[in-house]
C-alpha atoms as a PDB file:
ATOM      1  CA  MET A   1     167.900 117.880  73.905  1.00  0.00           C
ATOM      2  CA  SER A   2     165.300 118.311  71.174  1.00  0.00           C
ATOM      3  CA  ASP A   3     164.865 114.536  70.946  1.00  0.00           C
ATOM      4  CA  GLU A   4     164.312 114.159  74.680  1.00  0.00           C
ATOM      5  CA  ILE A   5     160.814 113.445  75.951  1.00  0.00           C
ATOM      6  CA  ARG A   6     159.345 116.508  77.676  1.00  0.00           C
ATOM      7  CA  VAL A   7     157.767 115.939  81.108  1.00  0.00           C
ATOM      8  CA  VAL A   8     155.676 118.064  83.459  1.00  0.00           C
ATOM      9  CA  ILE A   9     154.929 117.066  87.078  1.00  0.00           C
ATOM     10  CA  ALA A  10     151.867 118.156  89.077  1.00  0.00           C
ATOM     11  CA  ASP A  11     151.505 117.334  92.777  1.00  0.00           C
ATOM     12  CA  ASP A  12     150.682 119.538  95.748  1.00  0.00           C
ATOM     13  CA  GLU A  13     153.284 117.700  97.874  1.00  0.00           C
ATOM     14  CA  GLU A  14     156.824 119.023  97.450  1.00  0.00           C
ATOM     15  CA  GLY A  15     158.234 115.708  98.684  1.00  0.00           C
ATOM     16  CA  MET A  16     156.513 113.740  95.940  1.00  0.00           C
ATOM     17  CA  ARG A  17     157.608 116.212  93.278  1.00  0.00           C
ATOM     18  CA  MET A  18     161.178 115.789  94.514  1.00  0.00           C
ATOM     19  CA  VAL A  19     160.928 111.976  94.273  1.00  0.00           C
ATOM     20  CA  LEU A  20     159.581 112.109  90.717  1.00  0.00           C
ATOM     21  CA  ARG A  21     162.117 114.793  89.786  1.00  0.00           C
ATOM     22  CA  LYS A  22     165.002 112.528  90.828  1.00  0.00           C
ATOM     23  CA  MET A  23     163.603 109.516  88.989  1.00  0.00           C
ATOM     24  CA  ILE A  24     163.069 111.459  85.766  1.00  0.00           C
ATOM     25  CA  ALA A  25     166.633 112.782  86.024  1.00  0.00           C
ATOM     26  CA  ARG A  26     167.909 109.192  86.209  1.00  0.00           C
ATOM     27  CA  ALA A  27     165.854 107.955  83.248  1.00  0.00           C
ATOM     28  CA  GLU A  28     167.390 107.964  79.788  1.00  0.00           C
ATOM     29  CA  GLY A  29     165.890 110.299  77.194  1.00  0.00           C
ATOM     30  CA  PHE A  30     163.691 112.474  79.451  1.00  0.00           C
ATOM     31  CA  THR A  31     163.823 116.136  80.426  1.00  0.00           C
ATOM     32  CA  LEU A  32     161.715 117.768  83.147  1.00  0.00           C
ATOM     33  CA  CYS A  33     160.267 121.037  81.835  1.00  0.00           C
ATOM     34  CA  ALA A  34     158.428 122.300  84.902  1.00  0.00           C
ATOM     35  CA  GLU A  35     156.473 121.456  88.064  1.00  0.00           C
ATOM     36  CA  ALA A  36     153.066 122.533  89.333  1.00  0.00           C
ATOM     37  CA  ASP A  37     151.523 122.371  92.811  1.00  0.00           C
ATOM     38  CA  ASN A  38     147.917 122.771  91.625  1.00  0.00           C
ATOM     39  CA  GLY A  39     145.730 121.872  88.677  1.00  0.00           C
ATOM     40  CA  LEU A  40     145.333 125.325  87.178  1.00  0.00           C
ATOM     41  CA  ARG A  41     149.099 125.838  87.106  1.00  0.00           C
ATOM     42  CA  LEU A  42     149.486 122.448  85.419  1.00  0.00           C
ATOM     43  CA  LEU A  43     147.264 123.539  82.524  1.00  0.00           C
ATOM     44  CA  GLU A  44     149.308 126.728  82.138  1.00  0.00           C
ATOM     45  CA  LEU A  45     152.496 124.661  81.934  1.00  0.00           C
ATOM     46  CA  VAL A  46     150.971 122.232  79.432  1.00  0.00           C
ATOM     47  CA  GLU A  47     150.043 125.176  77.221  1.00  0.00           C
ATOM     48  CA  GLN A  48     153.542 126.657  77.579  1.00  0.00           C
ATOM     49  CA  TYR A  49     155.735 123.561  77.193  1.00  0.00           C
ATOM     50  CA  LYS A  50     153.459 121.129  75.328  1.00  0.00           C
ATOM     51  CA  PRO A  51     154.908 118.145  77.186  1.00  0.00           C
ATOM     52  CA  GLN A  52     154.661 114.622  75.848  1.00  0.00           C
ATOM     53  CA  VAL A  53     154.232 113.224  79.397  1.00  0.00           C
ATOM     54  CA  CYS A  54     152.341 114.497  82.440  1.00  0.00           C
ATOM     55  CA  PHE A  55     152.639 113.022  85.936  1.00  0.00           C
ATOM     56  CA  LEU A  56     149.662 114.202  87.962  1.00  0.00           C
ATOM     57  CA  ASP A  57     148.039 113.612  91.314  1.00  0.00           C
ATOM     58  CA  VAL A  58     144.278 113.106  91.512  1.00  0.00           C
ATOM     59  CA  GLU A  59     143.492 115.459  94.386  1.00  0.00           C
ATOM     60  CA  MET A  60     145.046 118.896  93.926  1.00  0.00           C
ATOM     61  CA  PRO A  61     143.970 122.448  94.849  1.00  0.00           C
ATOM     62  CA  GLY A  62     142.007 124.481  92.323  1.00  0.00           C
ATOM     63  CA  MET A  63     141.354 121.695  89.831  1.00  0.00           C
ATOM     64  CA  SER A  64     141.540 117.940  90.289  1.00  0.00           C
ATOM     65  CA  GLY A  65     143.890 115.724  88.305  1.00  0.00           C
ATOM     66  CA  LEU A  66     140.930 114.096  86.576  1.00  0.00           C
ATOM     67  CA  GLU A  67     139.589 117.490  85.469  1.00  0.00           C
ATOM     68  CA  CYS A  68     143.060 118.448  84.232  1.00  0.00           C
ATOM     69  CA  ALA A  69     143.330 115.182  82.326  1.00  0.00           C
ATOM     70  CA  ARG A  70     140.061 115.858  80.498  1.00  0.00           C
ATOM     71  CA  SER A  71     141.280 119.315  79.475  1.00  0.00           C
ATOM     72  CA  ILE A  72     144.676 117.987  78.354  1.00  0.00           C
ATOM     73  CA  GLN A  73     143.019 115.229  76.334  1.00  0.00           C
ATOM     74  CA  ASP A  74     140.901 117.782  74.501  1.00  0.00           C
ATOM     75  CA  THR A  75     144.022 119.816  73.688  1.00  0.00           C
ATOM     76  CA  ASP A  76     146.251 116.933  72.618  1.00  0.00           C
ATOM     77  CA  PRO A  77     144.908 113.389  73.126  1.00  0.00           C
ATOM     78  CA  ARG A  78     148.363 111.950  72.467  1.00  0.00           C
ATOM     79  CA  THR A  79     149.770 113.403  75.697  1.00  0.00           C
ATOM     80  CA  ILE A  80     150.839 110.513  77.937  1.00  0.00           C
ATOM     81  CA  LEU A  81     149.052 110.791  81.287  1.00  0.00           C
ATOM     82  CA  ILE A  82     150.427 109.030  84.365  1.00  0.00           C
ATOM     83  CA  PHE A  83     148.513 109.313  87.623  1.00  0.00           C
ATOM     84  CA  ALA A  84     150.734 109.128  90.710  1.00  0.00           C
ATOM     85  CA  THR A  85     148.407 109.318  93.677  1.00  0.00           C
ATOM     86  CA  ALA A  86     147.588 107.982  97.136  1.00  0.00           C
ATOM     87  CA  HIS A  87     144.008 107.199  96.086  1.00  0.00           C
ATOM     88  CA  ASP A  88     143.364 103.913  94.296  1.00  0.00           C
ATOM     89  CA  ASP A  89     139.575 104.450  94.057  1.00  0.00           C
ATOM     90  CA  TYR A  90     139.971 106.778  91.041  1.00  0.00           C
ATOM     91  CA  MET A  91     141.708 104.186  88.869  1.00  0.00           C
ATOM     92  CA  ALA A  92     138.666 103.317  86.749  1.00  0.00           C
ATOM     93  CA  GLN A  93     137.980 106.982  85.974  1.00  0.00           C
ATOM     94  CA  ALA A  94     141.635 107.531  85.075  1.00  0.00           C
ATOM     95  CA  PHE A  95     141.669 104.699  82.561  1.00  0.00           C
ATOM     96  CA  GLU A  96     138.403 105.957  81.063  1.00  0.00           C
ATOM     97  CA  MET A  97     140.537 108.948  80.022  1.00  0.00           C
ATOM     98  CA  TYR A  98     143.139 106.564  78.559  1.00  0.00           C
ATOM     99  CA  ALA A  99     145.775 107.082  81.208  1.00  0.00           C
ATOM    100  CA  PHE A 100     149.037 105.387  80.285  1.00  0.00           C
ATOM    101  CA  ASP A 101     149.536 104.230  83.874  1.00  0.00           C
ATOM    102  CA  TYR A 102     148.169 104.646  87.395  1.00  0.00           C
ATOM    103  CA  MET A 103     150.603 104.362  90.308  1.00  0.00           C
ATOM    104  CA  VAL A 104     149.453 104.295  93.930  1.00  0.00           C
ATOM    105  CA  LYS A 105     151.706 105.919  96.532  1.00  0.00           C
ATOM    106  CA  PRO A 106     153.998 104.850  98.018  1.00  0.00           C
ATOM    107  CA  PHE A 107     155.528 103.224  94.948  1.00  0.00           C
ATOM    108  CA  LYS A 108     158.993 101.827  94.403  1.00  0.00           C
ATOM    109  CA  MET A 109     161.595 103.401  92.172  1.00  0.00           C
ATOM    110  CA  GLU A 110     161.606 100.294  89.967  1.00  0.00           C
ATOM    111  CA  ARG A 111     157.914 100.819  89.285  1.00  0.00           C
ATOM    112  CA  VAL A 112     158.431 104.349  87.991  1.00  0.00           C
ATOM    113  CA  MET A 113     161.563 103.478  86.016  1.00  0.00           C
ATOM    114  CA  LYS A 114     159.741 100.601  84.314  1.00  0.00           C
ATOM    115  CA  THR A 115     156.919 102.955  83.267  1.00  0.00           C
ATOM    116  CA  LEU A 116     159.393 105.533  81.954  1.00  0.00           C
ATOM    117  CA  GLU A 117     161.189 102.876  79.927  1.00  0.00           C
ATOM    118  CA  ARG A 118     157.880 101.754  78.397  1.00  0.00           C
ATOM    119  CA  ILE A 119     157.153 105.376  77.464  1.00  0.00           C
ATOM    120  CA  ARG A 120     160.608 105.720  75.915  1.00  0.00           C
ATOM    121  CA  GLN A 121     160.137 102.592  73.811  1.00  0.00           C
ATOM    122  CA  VAL A 122     156.677 103.692  72.649  1.00  0.00           C
ATOM    123  CA  THR A 123     158.011 107.142  71.738  1.00  0.00           C
ATOM    124  CA  LEU A 124     160.970 105.714  69.815  1.00  0.00           C
ATOM    125  CA  GLU A 125     158.657 103.421  67.881  1.00  0.00           C
ATOM    126  CA  ARG A 126     156.310 106.284  67.002  1.00  0.00           C
ATOM    127  CA  ARG A 127     159.228 108.419  65.829  1.00  0.00           C
ATOM    128  CA  LYS A 128     160.522 105.561  63.681  1.00  0.00           C
ATOM    129  CA  ILE A 129     157.130 105.042  62.069  1.00  0.00           C
ATOM    130  CA  ALA A 130     156.722 108.807  61.517  1.00  0.00           C
ATOM    131  CA  GLN A 131     160.091 108.911  59.737  1.00  0.00           C
ATOM    132  CA  GLU A 132     159.122 105.990  57.542  1.00  0.00           C
ATOM    133  CA  GLU A 133     155.795 107.601  56.697  1.00  0.00           C
ATOM    134  CA  SER A 134     157.480 110.868  55.744  1.00  0.00           C
ATOM    135  CA  ALA A 135     159.004 109.069  52.763  1.00  0.00           C
ATOM    136  CA  PRO A 136     156.969 108.865  49.527  1.00  0.00           C
ATOM    137  CA  ARG A 137     154.249 106.242  49.922  1.00  0.00           C
ATOM    138  CA  PRO A 138     151.358 105.006  47.820  1.00  0.00           C
ATOM    139  CA  MET A 139     148.291 107.146  48.274  1.00  0.00           C
ATOM    140  CA  PRO A 140     145.151 105.401  49.531  1.00  0.00           C
ATOM    141  CA  PRO A 141     142.645 104.382  46.865  1.00  0.00           C
ATOM    142  CA  ARG A 142     140.190 107.068  45.817  1.00  0.00           C
ATOM    143  CA  GLY A 143     136.480 106.607  45.414  1.00  0.00           C
ATOM    144  CA  ILE A 144     136.135 104.623  48.650  1.00  0.00           C
ATOM    145  CA  ALA A 145     133.415 106.911  49.997  1.00  0.00           C
ATOM    146  CA  SER A 146     130.813 109.050  48.360  1.00  0.00           C
ATOM    147  CA  GLY A 147     129.538 112.536  49.016  1.00  0.00           C
ATOM    148  CA  ARG A 148     130.994 115.734  50.321  1.00  0.00           C
ATOM    149  CA  ILE A 149     130.726 117.433  53.676  1.00  0.00           C
ATOM    150  CA  MET A 150     130.663 121.133  54.450  1.00  0.00           C
ATOM    151  CA  LEU A 151     132.897 122.377  57.261  1.00  0.00           C
ATOM    152  CA  HIS A 152     132.232 125.695  58.977  1.00  0.00           C
ATOM    153  CA  HIS A 153     135.106 127.812  60.290  1.00  0.00           C
ATOM    154  CA  LYS A 154     135.695 131.468  61.139  1.00  0.00           C
ATOM    155  CA  GLU A 155     136.791 132.353  57.582  1.00  0.00           C
ATOM    156  CA  GLY A 156     133.787 130.679  55.959  1.00  0.00           C
ATOM    157  CA  VAL A 157     133.293 127.068  54.843  1.00  0.00           C
ATOM    158  CA  ASN A 158     135.190 124.277  53.094  1.00  0.00           C
ATOM    159  CA  PHE A 159     133.720 121.456  51.042  1.00  0.00           C
ATOM    160  CA  VAL A 160     135.653 118.208  51.436  1.00  0.00           C
ATOM    161  CA  ASN A 161     135.214 114.942  49.577  1.00  0.00           C
ATOM    162  CA  GLN A 162     134.735 112.087  52.026  1.00  0.00           C
ATOM    163  CA  ALA A 163     136.949 109.960  49.778  1.00  0.00           C
ATOM    164  CA  ASP A 164     139.861 112.255  50.653  1.00  0.00           C
ATOM    165  CA  ILE A 165     139.466 112.221  54.448  1.00  0.00           C
ATOM    166  CA  LEU A 166     142.038 110.079  56.263  1.00  0.00           C
ATOM    167  CA  LEU A 167     141.599 111.102  59.896  1.00  0.00           C
ATOM    168  CA  VAL A 168     139.434 113.354  62.046  1.00  0.00           C
ATOM    169  CA  GLN A 169     140.608 114.317  65.531  1.00  0.00           C
ATOM    170  CA  ARG A 170     140.262 116.770  68.386  1.00  0.00           C
ATOM    171  CA  GLU A 171     143.209 119.140  68.465  1.00  0.00           C
ATOM    172  CA  ASN A 172     143.666 122.321  70.504  1.00  0.00           C
ATOM    173  CA  ARG A 173     139.943 122.290  71.343  1.00  0.00           C
ATOM    174  CA  SER A 174     138.997 122.233  67.658  1.00  0.00           C
ATOM    175  CA  THR A 175     138.108 119.428  65.270  1.00  0.00           C
ATOM    176  CA  VAL A 176     140.712 118.837  62.573  1.00  0.00           C
ATOM    177  CA  LEU A 177     140.400 116.775  59.381  1.00  0.00           C
ATOM    178  CA  TYR A 178     143.526 115.416  57.704  1.00  0.00           C
ATOM    179  CA  ALA A 179     143.083 114.628  54.021  1.00  0.00           C
ATOM    180  CA  THR A 180     145.035 113.343  51.039  1.00  0.00           C
ATOM    181  CA  GLY A 181     147.717 115.604  49.626  1.00  0.00           C
ATOM    182  CA  GLY A 182     148.775 116.783  53.078  1.00  0.00           C
ATOM    183  CA  ARG A 183     145.689 118.970  53.433  1.00  0.00           C
ATOM    184  CA  ARG A 184     144.375 119.994  56.854  1.00  0.00           C
ATOM    185  CA  PHE A 185     140.951 121.445  57.632  1.00  0.00           C
ATOM    186  CA  GLU A 186     140.007 122.918  61.004  1.00  0.00           C
ATOM    187  CA  THR A 187     136.492 123.574  62.288  1.00  0.00           C
ATOM    188  CA  SER A 188     134.870 124.621  65.543  1.00  0.00           C
ATOM    189  CA  GLU A 189     132.244 121.901  65.087  1.00  0.00           C
ATOM    190  CA  ALA A 190     132.184 119.089  67.648  1.00  0.00           C
ATOM    191  CA  LEU A 191     133.729 115.778  66.669  1.00  0.00           C
ATOM    192  CA  GLY A 192     130.363 114.066  67.073  1.00  0.00           C
ATOM    193  CA  ASP A 193     128.696 116.520  64.681  1.00  0.00           C
ATOM    194  CA  VAL A 194     131.289 115.776  61.995  1.00  0.00           C
ATOM    195  CA  GLU A 195     130.989 112.038  62.667  1.00  0.00           C
ATOM    196  CA  ALA A 196     127.222 112.176  62.095  1.00  0.00           C
ATOM    197  CA  ARG A 197     127.814 113.337  58.493  1.00  0.00           C
ATOM    198  CA  LEU A 198     130.440 110.723  57.620  1.00  0.00           C
ATOM    199  CA  ASP A 199     129.756 107.380  55.970  1.00  0.00           C
ATOM    200  CA  PRO A 200     129.620 104.843  58.874  1.00  0.00           C
ATOM    201  CA  LYS A 201     130.692 102.018  56.557  1.00  0.00           C
ATOM    202  CA  ILE A 202     134.008 103.806  56.005  1.00  0.00           C
ATOM    203  CA  PHE A 203     134.684 105.914  59.092  1.00  0.00           C
ATOM    204  CA  PHE A 204     135.171 104.425  62.564  1.00  0.00           C
ATOM    205  CA  ARG A 205     135.125 106.241  65.931  1.00  0.00           C
ATOM    206  CA  CYS A 206     138.084 104.475  67.536  1.00  0.00           C
ATOM    207  CA  HIS A 207     138.510 106.806  70.534  1.00  0.00           C
ATOM    208  CA  LYS A 208     136.683 109.756  72.056  1.00  0.00           C
ATOM    209  CA  SER A 209     139.130 112.052  70.244  1.00  0.00           C
ATOM    210  CA  TYR A 210     139.629 110.225  66.927  1.00  0.00           C
ATOM    211  CA  ILE A 211     137.725 109.022  63.841  1.00  0.00           C
ATOM    212  CA  ILE A 212     139.687 106.969  61.301  1.00  0.00           C
ATOM    213  CA  ASN A 213     139.156 105.948  57.689  1.00  0.00           C
ATOM    214  CA  LEU A 214     139.071 102.132  57.778  1.00  0.00           C
ATOM    215  CA  HIS A 215     140.481 101.888  54.243  1.00  0.00           C
ATOM    216  CA  VAL A 216     143.776 103.579  55.110  1.00  0.00           C
ATOM    217  CA  ILE A 217     144.785 101.665  58.262  1.00  0.00           C
ATOM    218  CA  ASP A 218     148.378 100.549  57.846  1.00  0.00           C
ATOM    219  CA  SER A 219     149.257  99.011  61.230  1.00  0.00           C
ATOM    220  CA  ILE A 220     148.354  99.028  64.930  1.00  0.00           C
ATOM    221  CA  THR A 221     150.869  98.943  67.797  1.00  0.00           C
ATOM    222  CA  PRO A 222     150.450  98.793  71.617  1.00  0.00           C
ATOM    223  CA  TYR A 223     150.352 102.015  73.663  1.00  0.00           C
ATOM    224  CA  GLY A 224     149.820 102.016  77.421  1.00  0.00           C
ATOM    225  CA  ARG A 225     147.744  99.427  79.255  1.00  0.00           C
ATOM    226  CA  TRP A 226     144.419  99.712  77.436  1.00  0.00           C
ATOM    227  CA  THR A 227     145.184 101.687  74.300  1.00  0.00           C
ATOM    228  CA  TYR A 228     146.846 101.165  70.894  1.00  0.00           C
ATOM    229  CA  VAL A 229     148.229 103.466  68.199  1.00  0.00           C
ATOM    230  CA  VAL A 230     146.725 103.282  64.684  1.00  0.00           C
ATOM    231  CA  HIS A 231     149.141 104.183  61.874  1.00  0.00           C
ATOM    232  CA  LEU A 232     147.536 105.390  58.646  1.00  0.00           C
ATOM    233  CA  MET A 233     148.562 105.488  54.993  1.00  0.00           C
ATOM    234  CA  GLY A 234     148.886 108.834  53.297  1.00  0.00           C
ATOM    235  CA  THR A 235     149.635 110.861  56.439  1.00  0.00           C
ATOM    236  CA  ASP A 236     152.237 111.062  59.187  1.00  0.00           C
ATOM    237  CA  GLN A 237     149.423 111.596  61.710  1.00  0.00           C
ATOM    238  CA  ASP A 238     148.302 108.663  63.818  1.00  0.00           C
ATOM    239  CA  ALA A 239     145.349 107.912  66.088  1.00  0.00           C
ATOM    240  CA  LEU A 240     144.647 106.154  69.372  1.00  0.00           C
ATOM    241  CA  ILE A 241     142.247 103.246  69.667  1.00  0.00           C
ATOM    242  CA  THR A 242     140.888 101.874  72.940  1.00  0.00           C
ATOM    243  CA  HIS A 243     141.016  98.195  73.854  1.00  0.00           C
ATOM    244  CA  GLU A 244     137.235  97.857  73.440  1.00  0.00           C
ATOM    245  CA  LYS A 245     137.291  99.502  70.007  1.00  0.00           C
ATOM    246  CA  TYR A 246     140.278  97.359  69.005  1.00  0.00           C
ATOM    247  CA  GLU A 247     138.251  94.234  69.753  1.00  0.00           C
ATOM    248  CA  GLU A 248     135.353  95.686  67.758  1.00  0.00           C
ATOM    249  CA  LEU A 249     137.720  96.355  64.863  1.00  0.00           C
ATOM    250  CA  GLU A 250     139.012  92.771  64.983  1.00  0.00           C
ATOM    251  CA  LYS A 251     135.468  91.482  64.565  1.00  0.00           C
ATOM    252  CA  MET A 252     134.871  93.773  61.599  1.00  0.00           C
ATOM    253  CA  PHE A 253     137.924  92.382  59.797  1.00  0.00           C
ATOM    254  CA  ALA A 254     137.466  88.762  60.873  1.00  0.00           C
END
C-alpha cells in the first residue's frame, strides 16, 4: 500500500466522482485517499493526505479548480494535476499551471486509464532514479560560482556559498535551497528575491517553482504533456522544467 500512488478527487457532481472512483479502483498501483465536493475541502484533503495526484473540476463551489491548482502548486509543485471538466475554454490556463492532463467531459474510460498508466510509468521512473541517486555518487565540482548569499528565516540568517547550491524551489509556501552535503535551507523570502541574488550564468529558472544549478544537471525525462523532470547530481531532489524553458536550455547547450 505504501508504494501505491495516492489520489484525491474533487468534483461537485457525485456522479462524476463515482465514475472516477471506479476507474481509479481498476487502475494498477493507485489508491483513492478521499473525495471533495468543493475547492476548500480539496485543499484540506491535500494538506491531510499529501496526494501525488489530484483530479479536479474547474468550476466548483467556494474555490475554483484553477485557484486550487495554484495553491497546490505553491505547496508541492510536483503534485500531478488532472483537470476533468465540462469546460474546454479553461485548457490554456490549466496548462499554464503545468497540468499533467486536461480531460473534457464526457470522456471515455480508455482516456482516463491511458492517463493513469502514463502517471504510473512516470512515477515508477522517478522512484527508480531516486533509488539510484541515493547511492554514493560523485559530488558536483566546487568553485563553479562565486559569492555567498544571506538567507533570512525565523531563527536568524544563514550564509550559503553559491558554489554549494544545487536547487532552489517552492515548498510548503516557503523557499527551500538544497545544497551539497545533503544540507537544506528554508526561508520565507520569495523565490524571485532569491533568484535575483544568484549568478545568472550558473542558475536557471526552469519553472515558476524551481531554479536549478546548470552545472549539476544529470538527465531530463518527459513528464506530462508540456513538462519534463530534471534530475540533478548530488541530491535526490529533482525539478520540473516547462517545454519553453527546455527549448531555451537546448539552445544554451547547443
